[in-house]
Amino acid sequence: MFKSNMDAILYREILSDYLLPFGASNYDLDFKLHQDNDPKHRSLLCTTFLNVNNIVWIKSPPKSPDLNAIELMWNELKQHVRKRMILSEADAEIKIN
């Protein structure tokens, strides 16, 4: 669970802390990253990180659920959270785990 709003710095940390280890253990770092045209994805910080780590990324237009699978899941996730009656951050941590 992230304690701050998503920005380019946090996104780069996620790439470094989660994407690289996952890619190394599952794909020998031979994979392509699909991300939309969100400004934090296109930031100099993140694009430099991807280039330095030789990660090829596929760009798609923003808000194009037919091309971006995660867009299809946001509504489902919101409904699921509402049904669980998560009222606080502590509730969320308990119910996620």
PDB file of N, CA and C in Angstrom:
ATOM      1  N   MET A   1       0.850  -1.168   0.000  1.00  0.00           N
ATOM      2  CA  MET A   1       0.000   0.000   0.000  1.00  0.00           C
ATOM      3  C   MET A   1       0.897   1.232   0.000  1.00  0.00           C
ATOM      4  N   PHE A   2       0.570   2.177  -0.845  1.00  0.00           N
ATOM      5  CA  PHE A   2       1.393   3.369  -0.966  1.00  0.00           C
ATOM      6  C   PHE A   2       0.834   4.471  -0.083  1.00  0.00           C
ATOM      7  N   LYS A   3       1.718   5.199   0.549  1.00  0.00           N
ATOM      8  CA  LYS A   3       1.323   6.229   1.512  1.00  0.00           C
ATOM      9  C   LYS A   3       1.225   7.617   0.895  1.00  0.00           C
ATOM     10  N   SER A   4       1.490   7.731  -0.400  1.00  0.00           N
ATOM     11  CA  SER A   4       1.413   9.043  -1.040  1.00  0.00           C
ATOM     12  C   SER A   4       0.766   8.909  -2.413  1.00  0.00           C
ATOM     13  N   ASN A   5       0.433  10.038  -3.000  1.00  0.00           N
ATOM     14  CA  ASN A   5      -0.150  10.030  -4.339  1.00  0.00           C
ATOM     15  C   ASN A   5       0.898   9.593  -5.351  1.00  0.00           C
ATOM     16  N   MET A   6       0.431   8.958  -6.394  1.00  0.00           N
ATOM     17  CA  MET A   6       1.334   8.510  -7.442  1.00  0.00           C
ATOM     18  C   MET A   6       1.878   9.707  -8.204  1.00  0.00           C
ATOM     19  N   ASP A   7       3.193   9.768  -8.290  1.00  0.00           N
ATOM     20  CA  ASP A   7       3.860  10.756  -9.121  1.00  0.00           C
ATOM     21  C   ASP A   7       5.027  10.054  -9.803  1.00  0.00           C
ATOM     22  N   ALA A   8       5.799  10.781 -10.584  1.00  0.00           N
ATOM     23  CA  ALA A   8       6.900  10.159 -11.332  1.00  0.00           C
ATOM     24  C   ALA A   8       7.922   9.521 -10.397  1.00  0.00           C
ATOM     25  N   ILE A   9       8.183  10.139  -9.262  1.00  0.00           N
ATOM     26  CA  ILE A   9       9.175   9.598  -8.326  1.00  0.00           C
ATOM     27  C   ILE A   9       8.698   8.265  -7.758  1.00  0.00           C
ATOM     28  N   LEU A  10       7.454   8.217  -7.294  1.00  0.00           N
ATOM     29  CA  LEU A  10       6.913   6.967  -6.756  1.00  0.00           C
ATOM     30  C   LEU A  10       6.824   5.903  -7.851  1.00  0.00           C
ATOM     31  N   TYR A  11       6.416   6.292  -9.042  1.00  0.00           N
ATOM     32  CA  TYR A  11       6.315   5.328 -10.138  1.00  0.00           C
ATOM     33  C   TYR A  11       7.685   4.732 -10.464  1.00  0.00           C
ATOM     34  N   ARG A  12       8.729   5.575 -10.478  1.00  0.00           N
ATOM     35  CA  ARG A  12      10.074   5.068 -10.730  1.00  0.00           C
ATOM     36  C   ARG A  12      10.509   4.116  -9.621  1.00  0.00           C
ATOM     37  N   GLU A  13      10.157   4.410  -8.387  1.00  0.00           N
ATOM     38  CA  GLU A  13      10.477   3.507  -7.275  1.00  0.00           C
ATOM     39  C   GLU A  13       9.780   2.160  -7.463  1.00  0.00           C
ATOM     40  N   ILE A  14       8.536   2.185  -7.915  1.00  0.00           N
ATOM     41  CA  ILE A  14       7.804   0.938  -8.173  1.00  0.00           C
ATOM     42  C   ILE A  14       8.499   0.142  -9.272  1.00  0.00           C
ATOM     43  N   LEU A  15       8.896   0.828 -10.329  1.00  0.00           N
ATOM     44  CA  LEU A  15       9.617   0.144 -11.407  1.00  0.00           C
ATOM     45  C   LEU A  15      10.887  -0.505 -10.870  1.00  0.00           C
ATOM     46  N   SER A  16      11.619   0.238 -10.061  1.00  0.00           N
ATOM     47  CA  SER A  16      12.884  -0.260  -9.524  1.00  0.00           C
ATOM     48  C   SER A  16      12.684  -1.382  -8.505  1.00  0.00           C
ATOM     49  N   ASP A  17      11.749  -1.176  -7.580  1.00  0.00           N
ATOM     50  CA  ASP A  17      11.571  -2.122  -6.472  1.00  0.00           C
ATOM     51  C   ASP A  17      10.762  -3.363  -6.836  1.00  0.00           C
ATOM     52  N   TYR A  18       9.887  -3.254  -7.831  1.00  0.00           N
ATOM     53  CA  TYR A  18       8.994  -4.371  -8.153  1.00  0.00           C
ATOM     54  C   TYR A  18       9.160  -4.896  -9.576  1.00  0.00           C
ATOM     55  N   LEU A  19       9.175  -3.995 -10.556  1.00  0.00           N
ATOM     56  CA  LEU A  19       9.253  -4.455 -11.945  1.00  0.00           C
ATOM     57  C   LEU A  19      10.581  -5.148 -12.237  1.00  0.00           C
ATOM     58  N   LEU A  20      11.696  -4.525 -11.867  1.00  0.00           N
ATOM     59  CA  LEU A  20      12.991  -5.136 -12.173  1.00  0.00           C
ATOM     60  C   LEU A  20      13.162  -6.506 -11.520  1.00  0.00           C
ATOM     61  N   PRO A  21      12.905  -6.653 -10.218  1.00  0.00           N
ATOM     62  CA  PRO A  21      13.045  -7.990  -9.628  1.00  0.00           C
ATOM     63  C   PRO A  21      12.087  -9.011 -10.247  1.00  0.00           C
ATOM     64  N   PHE A  22      10.845  -8.601 -10.512  1.00  0.00           N
ATOM     65  CA  PHE A  22       9.878  -9.514 -11.128  1.00  0.00           C
ATOM     66  C   PHE A  22      10.339  -9.907 -12.526  1.00  0.00           C
ATOM     67  N   GLY A  23      10.762  -8.927 -13.300  1.00  0.00           N
ATOM     68  CA  GLY A  23      11.239  -9.208 -14.654  1.00  0.00           C
ATOM     69  C   GLY A  23      12.466 -10.092 -14.658  1.00  0.00           C
ATOM     70  N   ALA A  24      13.369  -9.863 -13.720  1.00  0.00           N
ATOM     71  CA  ALA A  24      14.591 -10.672 -13.649  1.00  0.00           C
ATOM     72  C   ALA A  24      14.282 -12.112 -13.267  1.00  0.00           C
ATOM     73  N   SER A  25      13.374 -12.302 -12.326  1.00  0.00           N
ATOM     74  CA  SER A  25      13.100 -13.668 -11.863  1.00  0.00           C
ATOM     75  C   SER A  25      12.178 -14.443 -12.791  1.00  0.00           C
ATOM     76  N   ASN A  26      11.361 -13.749 -13.575  1.00  0.00           N
ATOM     77  CA  ASN A  26      10.396 -14.446 -14.425  1.00  0.00           C
ATOM     78  C   ASN A  26      10.723 -14.422 -15.909  1.00  0.00           C
ATOM     79  N   TYR A  27      11.484 -13.436 -16.338  1.00  0.00           N
ATOM     80  CA  TYR A  27      11.713 -13.276 -17.779  1.00  0.00           C
ATOM     81  C   TYR A  27      13.171 -13.007 -18.131  1.00  0.00           C
ATOM     82  N   ASP A  28      14.086 -13.159 -17.194  1.00  0.00           N
ATOM     83  CA  ASP A  28      15.493 -12.814 -17.434  1.00  0.00           C
ATOM     84  C   ASP A  28      15.626 -11.404 -18.006  1.00  0.00           C
ATOM     85  N   LEU A  29      14.764 -10.526 -17.580  1.00  0.00           N
ATOM     86  CA  LEU A  29      14.703  -9.132 -18.024  1.00  0.00           C
ATOM     87  C   LEU A  29      14.468  -8.989 -19.523  1.00  0.00           C
ATOM     88  N   ASP A  30      13.980 -10.050 -20.163  1.00  0.00           N
ATOM     89  CA  ASP A  30      13.660  -9.993 -21.592  1.00  0.00           C
ATOM     90  C   ASP A  30      12.142  -9.896 -21.738  1.00  0.00           C
ATOM     91  N   PHE A  31      11.600  -8.705 -21.512  1.00  0.00           N
ATOM     92  CA  PHE A  31      10.160  -8.495 -21.574  1.00  0.00           C
ATOM     93  C   PHE A  31       9.888  -7.085 -22.063  1.00  0.00           C
ATOM     94  N   LYS A  32       8.646  -6.813 -22.376  1.00  0.00           N
ATOM     95  CA  LYS A  32       8.213  -5.473 -22.763  1.00  0.00           C
ATOM     96  C   LYS A  32       7.193  -4.988 -21.738  1.00  0.00           C
ATOM     97  N   LEU A  33       7.294  -3.746 -21.382  1.00  0.00           N
ATOM     98  CA  LEU A  33       6.384  -3.127 -20.426  1.00  0.00           C
ATOM     99  C   LEU A  33       5.322  -2.355 -21.198  1.00  0.00           C
ATOM    100  N   HIS A  34       4.070  -2.635 -20.904  1.00  0.00           N
ATOM    101  CA  HIS A  34       2.975  -1.899 -21.543  1.00  0.00           C
ATOM    102  C   HIS A  34       2.481  -0.851 -20.567  1.00  0.00           C
ATOM    103  N   GLN A  35       2.490   0.392 -20.996  1.00  0.00           N
ATOM    104  CA  GLN A  35       1.958   1.460 -20.153  1.00  0.00           C
ATOM    105  C   GLN A  35       1.280   2.495 -21.036  1.00  0.00           C
ATOM    106  N   ASP A  36       0.332   3.218 -20.439  1.00  0.00           N
ATOM    107  CA  ASP A  36      -0.386   4.209 -21.232  1.00  0.00           C
ATOM    108  C   ASP A  36       0.417   5.506 -21.307  1.00  0.00           C
ATOM    109  N   ASN A  37      -0.215   6.527 -21.790  1.00  0.00           N
ATOM    110  CA  ASN A  37       0.461   7.791 -22.057  1.00  0.00           C
ATOM    111  C   ASN A  37       0.376   8.745 -20.866  1.00  0.00           C
ATOM    112  N   ASP A  38       0.221   8.209 -19.676  1.00  0.00           N
ATOM    113  CA  ASP A  38       0.140   9.009 -18.465  1.00  0.00           C
ATOM    114  C   ASP A  38       1.421   9.850 -18.323  1.00  0.00           C
ATOM    115  N   PRO A  39       1.300  11.105 -17.889  1.00  0.00           N
ATOM    116  CA  PRO A  39       2.494  11.953 -17.764  1.00  0.00           C
ATOM    117  C   PRO A  39       3.596  11.368 -16.880  1.00  0.00           C
ATOM    118  N   LYS A  40       3.227  10.680 -15.810  1.00  0.00           N
ATOM    119  CA  LYS A  40       4.286  10.108 -14.964  1.00  0.00           C
ATOM    120  C   LYS A  40       5.021   8.980 -15.675  1.00  0.00           C
ATOM    121  N   HIS A  41       4.337   8.261 -16.559  1.00  0.00           N
ATOM    122  CA  HIS A  41       4.994   7.207 -17.335  1.00  0.00           C
ATOM    123  C   HIS A  41       5.959   7.811 -18.351  1.00  0.00           C
ATOM    124  N   ARG A  42       5.605   8.985 -18.873  1.00  0.00           N
ATOM    125  CA  ARG A  42       6.411   9.647 -19.901  1.00  0.00           C
ATOM    126  C   ARG A  42       7.459  10.585 -19.315  1.00  0.00           C
ATOM    127  N   SER A  43       7.502  10.711 -18.006  1.00  0.00           N
ATOM    128  CA  SER A  43       8.431  11.656 -17.380  1.00  0.00           C
ATOM    129  C   SER A  43       9.875  11.308 -17.730  1.00  0.00           C
ATOM    130  N   LEU A  44      10.712  12.322 -17.727  1.00  0.00           N
ATOM    131  CA  LEU A  44      12.132  12.116 -18.005  1.00  0.00           C
ATOM    132  C   LEU A  44      12.733  11.139 -17.000  1.00  0.00           C
ATOM    133  N   LEU A  45      12.334  11.253 -15.741  1.00  0.00           N
ATOM    134  CA  LEU A  45      12.834  10.356 -14.702  1.00  0.00           C
ATOM    135  C   LEU A  45      12.549   8.896 -15.049  1.00  0.00           C
ATOM    136  N   CYS A  46      11.313   8.600 -15.440  1.00  0.00           N
ATOM    137  CA  CYS A  46      10.929   7.211 -15.717  1.00  0.00           C
ATOM    138  C   CYS A  46      11.458   6.714 -17.054  1.00  0.00           C
ATOM    139  N   THR A  47      11.402   7.548 -18.081  1.00  0.00           N
ATOM    140  CA  THR A  47      11.910   7.092 -19.379  1.00  0.00           C
ATOM    141  C   THR A  47      13.414   6.873 -19.323  1.00  0.00           C
ATOM    142  N   THR A  48      14.127   7.710 -18.575  1.00  0.00           N
ATOM    143  CA  THR A  48      15.566   7.500 -18.397  1.00  0.00           C
ATOM    144  C   THR A  48      15.818   6.189 -17.669  1.00  0.00           C
ATOM    145  N   PHE A  49      15.054   5.932 -16.608  1.00  0.00           N
ATOM    146  CA  PHE A  49      15.198   4.681 -15.862  1.00  0.00           C
ATOM    147  C   PHE A  49      14.989   3.478 -16.778  1.00  0.00           C
ATOM    148  N   LEU A  50      13.931   3.511 -17.582  1.00  0.00           N
ATOM    149  CA  LEU A  50      13.651   2.398 -18.491  1.00  0.00           C
ATOM    150  C   LEU A  50      14.772   2.235 -19.515  1.00  0.00           C
ATOM    151  N   ASN A  51      15.256   3.335 -20.057  1.00  0.00           N
ATOM    152  CA  ASN A  51      16.338   3.263 -21.041  1.00  0.00           C
ATOM    153  C   ASN A  51      17.626   2.722 -20.434  1.00  0.00           C
ATOM    154  N   VAL A  52      17.997   3.221 -19.259  1.00  0.00           N
ATOM    155  CA  VAL A  52      19.221   2.770 -18.589  1.00  0.00           C
ATOM    156  C   VAL A  52      19.154   1.274 -18.287  1.00  0.00           C
ATOM    157  N   ASN A  53      17.956   0.779 -17.968  1.00  0.00           N
ATOM    158  CA  ASN A  53      17.788  -0.638 -17.630  1.00  0.00           C
ATOM    159  C   ASN A  53      17.383  -1.492 -18.833  1.00  0.00           C
ATOM    160  N   ASN A  54      17.466  -0.907 -20.022  1.00  0.00           N
ATOM    161  CA  ASN A  54      17.166  -1.627 -21.274  1.00  0.00           C
ATOM    162  C   ASN A  54      15.783  -2.264 -21.279  1.00  0.00           C
ATOM    163  N   ILE A  55      14.816  -1.549 -20.725  1.00  0.00           N
ATOM    164  CA  ILE A  55      13.443  -2.041 -20.720  1.00  0.00           C
ATOM    165  C   ILE A  55      12.692  -1.392 -21.877  1.00  0.00           C
ATOM    166  N   VAL A  56      12.170  -2.210 -22.752  1.00  0.00           N
ATOM    167  CA  VAL A  56      11.395  -1.724 -23.888  1.00  0.00           C
ATOM    168  C   VAL A  56       9.962  -1.536 -23.420  1.00  0.00           C
ATOM    169  N   TRP A  57       9.379  -0.391 -23.725  1.00  0.00           N
ATOM    170  CA  TRP A  57       7.993  -0.189 -23.328  1.00  0.00           C
ATOM    171  C   TRP A  57       7.128   0.103 -24.535  1.00  0.00           C
ATOM    172  N   ILE A  58       5.892  -0.378 -24.421  1.00  0.00           N
ATOM    173  CA  ILE A  58       4.886  -0.190 -25.458  1.00  0.00           C
ATOM    174  C   ILE A  58       3.934   0.880 -24.948  1.00  0.00           C
ATOM    175  N   LYS A  59       3.761   1.929 -25.719  1.00  0.00           N
ATOM    176  CA  LYS A  59       2.881   3.025 -25.310  1.00  0.00           C
ATOM    177  C   LYS A  59       1.509   2.847 -25.946  1.00  0.00           C
ATOM    178  N   SER A  60       0.485   3.226 -25.232  1.00  0.00           N
ATOM    179  CA  SER A  60      -0.864   3.226 -25.801  1.00  0.00           C
ATOM    180  C   SER A  60      -1.546   4.530 -25.407  1.00  0.00           C
ATOM    181  N   PRO A  61      -2.576   4.914 -26.114  1.00  0.00           N
ATOM    182  CA  PRO A  61      -3.270   6.162 -25.786  1.00  0.00           C
ATOM    183  C   PRO A  61      -3.927   6.072 -24.406  1.00  0.00           C
ATOM    184  N   PRO A  62      -4.026   7.201 -23.694  1.00  0.00           N
ATOM    185  CA  PRO A  62      -4.709   7.177 -22.400  1.00  0.00           C
ATOM    186  C   PRO A  62      -6.200   6.895 -22.571  1.00  0.00           C
ATOM    187  N   LYS A  63      -6.769   6.307 -21.542  1.00  0.00           N
ATOM    188  CA  LYS A  63      -8.210   6.018 -21.491  1.00  0.00           C
ATOM    189  C   LYS A  63      -8.687   5.246 -22.716  1.00  0.00           C
ATOM    190  N   SER A  64      -7.932   4.239 -23.082  1.00  0.00           N
ATOM    191  CA  SER A  64      -8.296   3.352 -24.195  1.00  0.00           C
ATOM    192  C   SER A  64      -8.403   1.930 -23.663  1.00  0.00           C
ATOM    193  N   PRO A  65      -9.529   1.596 -23.009  1.00  0.00           N
ATOM    194  CA  PRO A  65      -9.633   0.285 -22.371  1.00  0.00           C
ATOM    195  C   PRO A  65      -9.453  -0.878 -23.336  1.00  0.00           C
ATOM    196  N   ASP A  66      -9.767  -0.662 -24.599  1.00  0.00           N
ATOM    197  CA  ASP A  66      -9.580  -1.744 -25.558  1.00  0.00           C
ATOM    198  C   ASP A  66      -8.102  -2.053 -25.767  1.00  0.00           C
ATOM    199  N   LEU A  67      -7.233  -1.096 -25.474  1.00  0.00           N
ATOM    200  CA  LEU A  67      -5.795  -1.294 -25.635  1.00  0.00           C
ATOM    201  C   LEU A  67      -5.058  -1.399 -24.305  1.00  0.00           C
ATOM    202  N   ASN A  68      -5.733  -1.091 -23.220  1.00  0.00           N
ATOM    203  CA  ASN A  68      -5.083  -1.012 -21.920  1.00  0.00           C
ATOM    204  C   ASN A  68      -5.929  -1.761 -20.892  1.00  0.00           C
ATOM    205  N   ALA A  69      -5.550  -2.977 -20.606  1.00  0.00           N
ATOM    206  CA  ALA A  69      -6.359  -3.870 -19.767  1.00  0.00           C
ATOM    207  C   ALA A  69      -6.664  -3.306 -18.381  1.00  0.00           C
ATOM    208  N   ILE A  70      -5.744  -2.560 -17.785  1.00  0.00           N
ATOM    209  CA  ILE A  70      -5.981  -2.057 -16.431  1.00  0.00           C
ATOM    210  C   ILE A  70      -7.167  -1.097 -16.392  1.00  0.00           C
ATOM    211  N   GLU A  71      -7.413  -0.393 -17.496  1.00  0.00           N
ATOM    212  CA  GLU A  71      -8.554   0.522 -17.537  1.00  0.00           C
ATOM    213  C   GLU A  71      -9.869  -0.231 -17.341  1.00  0.00           C
ATOM    214  N   LEU A  72      -9.927  -1.468 -17.798  1.00  0.00           N
ATOM    215  CA  LEU A  72     -11.134  -2.281 -17.629  1.00  0.00           C
ATOM    216  C   LEU A  72     -11.365  -2.663 -16.167  1.00  0.00           C
ATOM    217  N   MET A  73     -10.305  -2.673 -15.381  1.00  0.00           N
ATOM    218  CA  MET A  73     -10.402  -3.143 -14.000  1.00  0.00           C
ATOM    219  C   MET A  73     -10.705  -2.052 -12.983  1.00  0.00           C
ATOM    220  N   TRP A  74     -10.478  -0.773 -13.319  1.00  0.00           N
ATOM    221  CA  TRP A  74     -10.665   0.280 -12.326  1.00  0.00           C
ATOM    222  C   TRP A  74     -12.079   0.295 -11.759  1.00  0.00           C
ATOM    223  N   ASN A  75     -13.097   0.204 -12.586  1.00  0.00           N
ATOM    224  CA  ASN A  75     -14.473   0.212 -12.100  1.00  0.00           C
ATOM    225  C   ASN A  75     -14.739  -1.003 -11.214  1.00  0.00           C
ATOM    226  N   GLU A  76     -14.248  -2.163 -11.628  1.00  0.00           N
ATOM    227  CA  GLU A  76     -14.416  -3.378 -10.820  1.00  0.00           C
ATOM    228  C   GLU A  76     -13.760  -3.202  -9.451  1.00  0.00           C
ATOM    229  N   LEU A  77     -12.573  -2.640  -9.433  1.00  0.00           N
ATOM    230  CA  LEU A  77     -11.860  -2.428  -8.177  1.00  0.00           C
ATOM    231  C   LEU A  77     -12.625  -1.458  -7.279  1.00  0.00           C
ATOM    232  N   LYS A  78     -13.114  -0.365  -7.844  1.00  0.00           N
ATOM    233  CA  LYS A  78     -13.886   0.605  -7.059  1.00  0.00           C
ATOM    234  C   LYS A  78     -15.124  -0.043  -6.444  1.00  0.00           C
ATOM    235  N   GLN A  79     -15.841  -0.848  -7.210  1.00  0.00           N
ATOM    236  CA  GLN A  79     -17.030  -1.526  -6.688  1.00  0.00           C
ATOM    237  C   GLN A  79     -16.656  -2.504  -5.577  1.00  0.00           C
ATOM    238  N   HIS A  80     -15.577  -3.217  -5.761  1.00  0.00           N
ATOM    239  CA  HIS A  80     -15.124  -4.183  -4.758  1.00  0.00           C
ATOM    240  C   HIS A  80     -14.779  -3.470  -3.446  1.00  0.00           C
ATOM    241  N   VAL A  81     -14.088  -2.354  -3.543  1.00  0.00           N
ATOM    242  CA  VAL A  81     -13.713  -1.592  -2.346  1.00  0.00           C
ATOM    243  C   VAL A  81     -14.964  -1.079  -1.639  1.00  0.00           C
ATOM    244  N   ARG A  82     -15.924  -0.562  -2.397  1.00  0.00           N
ATOM    245  CA  ARG A  82     -17.171  -0.068  -1.787  1.00  0.00           C
ATOM    246  C   ARG A  82     -17.912  -1.176  -1.046  1.00  0.00           C
ATOM    247  N   LYS A  83     -17.965  -2.365  -1.623  1.00  0.00           N
ATOM    248  CA  LYS A  83     -18.661  -3.492  -0.984  1.00  0.00           C
ATOM    249  C   LYS A  83     -17.982  -3.911   0.309  1.00  0.00           C
ATOM    250  N   ARG A  84     -16.663  -3.749   0.383  1.00  0.00           N
ATOM    251  CA  ARG A  84     -15.932  -4.159   1.579  1.00  0.00           C
ATOM    252  C   ARG A  84     -16.055  -3.136   2.697  1.00  0.00           C
ATOM    253  N   MET A  85     -16.675  -2.000   2.413  1.00  0.00           N
ATOM    254  CA  MET A  85     -16.872  -0.935   3.400  1.00  0.00           C
ATOM    255  C   MET A  85     -15.557  -0.544   4.079  1.00  0.00           C
ATOM    256  N   ILE A  86     -14.597  -0.212   3.282  1.00  0.00           N
ATOM    257  CA  ILE A  86     -13.310   0.241   3.794  1.00  0.00           C
ATOM    258  C   ILE A  86     -13.454   1.715   4.152  1.00  0.00           C
ATOM    259  N   LEU A  87     -13.281   2.007   5.433  1.00  0.00           N
ATOM    260  CA  LEU A  87     -13.525   3.355   5.927  1.00  0.00           C
ATOM    261  C   LEU A  87     -12.252   4.112   6.277  1.00  0.00           C
ATOM    262  N   SER A  88     -11.153   3.394   6.372  1.00  0.00           N
ATOM    263  CA  SER A  88      -9.903   4.057   6.739  1.00  0.00           C
ATOM    264  C   SER A  88      -8.734   3.315   6.102  1.00  0.00           C
ATOM    265  N   GLU A  89      -7.571   3.928   6.186  1.00  0.00           N
ATOM    266  CA  GLU A  89      -6.368   3.281   5.664  1.00  0.00           C
ATOM    267  C   GLU A  89      -6.078   1.992   6.432  1.00  0.00           C
ATOM    268  N   ALA A  90      -6.299   2.015   7.743  1.00  0.00           N
ATOM    269  CA  ALA A  90      -6.074   0.811   8.551  1.00  0.00           C
ATOM    270  C   ALA A  90      -7.013  -0.312   8.114  1.00  0.00           C
ATOM    271  N   ASP A  91      -8.278   0.025   7.853  1.00  0.00           N
ATOM    272  CA  ASP A  91      -9.240  -0.957   7.325  1.00  0.00           C
ATOM    273  C   ASP A  91      -8.734  -1.561   6.024  1.00  0.00           C
ATOM    274  N   ALA A  92      -8.247  -0.711   5.155  1.00  0.00           N
ATOM    275  CA  ALA A  92      -7.773  -1.174   3.844  1.00  0.00           C
ATOM    276  C   ALA A  92      -6.628  -2.158   4.005  1.00  0.00           C
ATOM    277  N   GLU A  93      -5.679  -1.843   4.870  1.00  0.00           N
ATOM    278  CA  GLU A  93      -4.538  -2.735   5.068  1.00  0.00           C
ATOM    279  C   GLU A  93      -4.986  -4.087   5.611  1.00  0.00           C
ATOM    280  N   ILE A  94      -5.920  -4.085   6.534  1.00  0.00           N
ATOM    281  CA  ILE A  94      -6.424  -5.341   7.103  1.00  0.00           C
ATOM    282  C   ILE A  94      -7.153  -6.149   6.040  1.00  0.00           C
ATOM    283  N   LYS A  95      -8.025  -5.510   5.283  1.00  0.00           N
ATOM    284  CA  LYS A  95      -8.850  -6.224   4.311  1.00  0.00           C
ATOM    285  C   LYS A  95      -8.074  -6.643   3.070  1.00  0.00           C
ATOM    286  N   ILE A  96      -7.017  -5.926   2.723  1.00  0.00           N
ATOM    287  CA  ILE A  96      -6.184  -6.324   1.589  1.00  0.00           C
ATOM    288  C   ILE A  96      -5.373  -7.551   1.958  1.00  0.00           C
ATOM    289  N   ASN A  97      -4.851  -7.568   3.159  1.00  0.00           N
ATOM    290  CA  ASN A  97      -4.028  -8.702   3.589  1.00  0.00           C
ATOM    291  C   ASN A  97      -4.927  -9.845   3.961  1.00  0.00           C
TER     292      ASN A  97
END
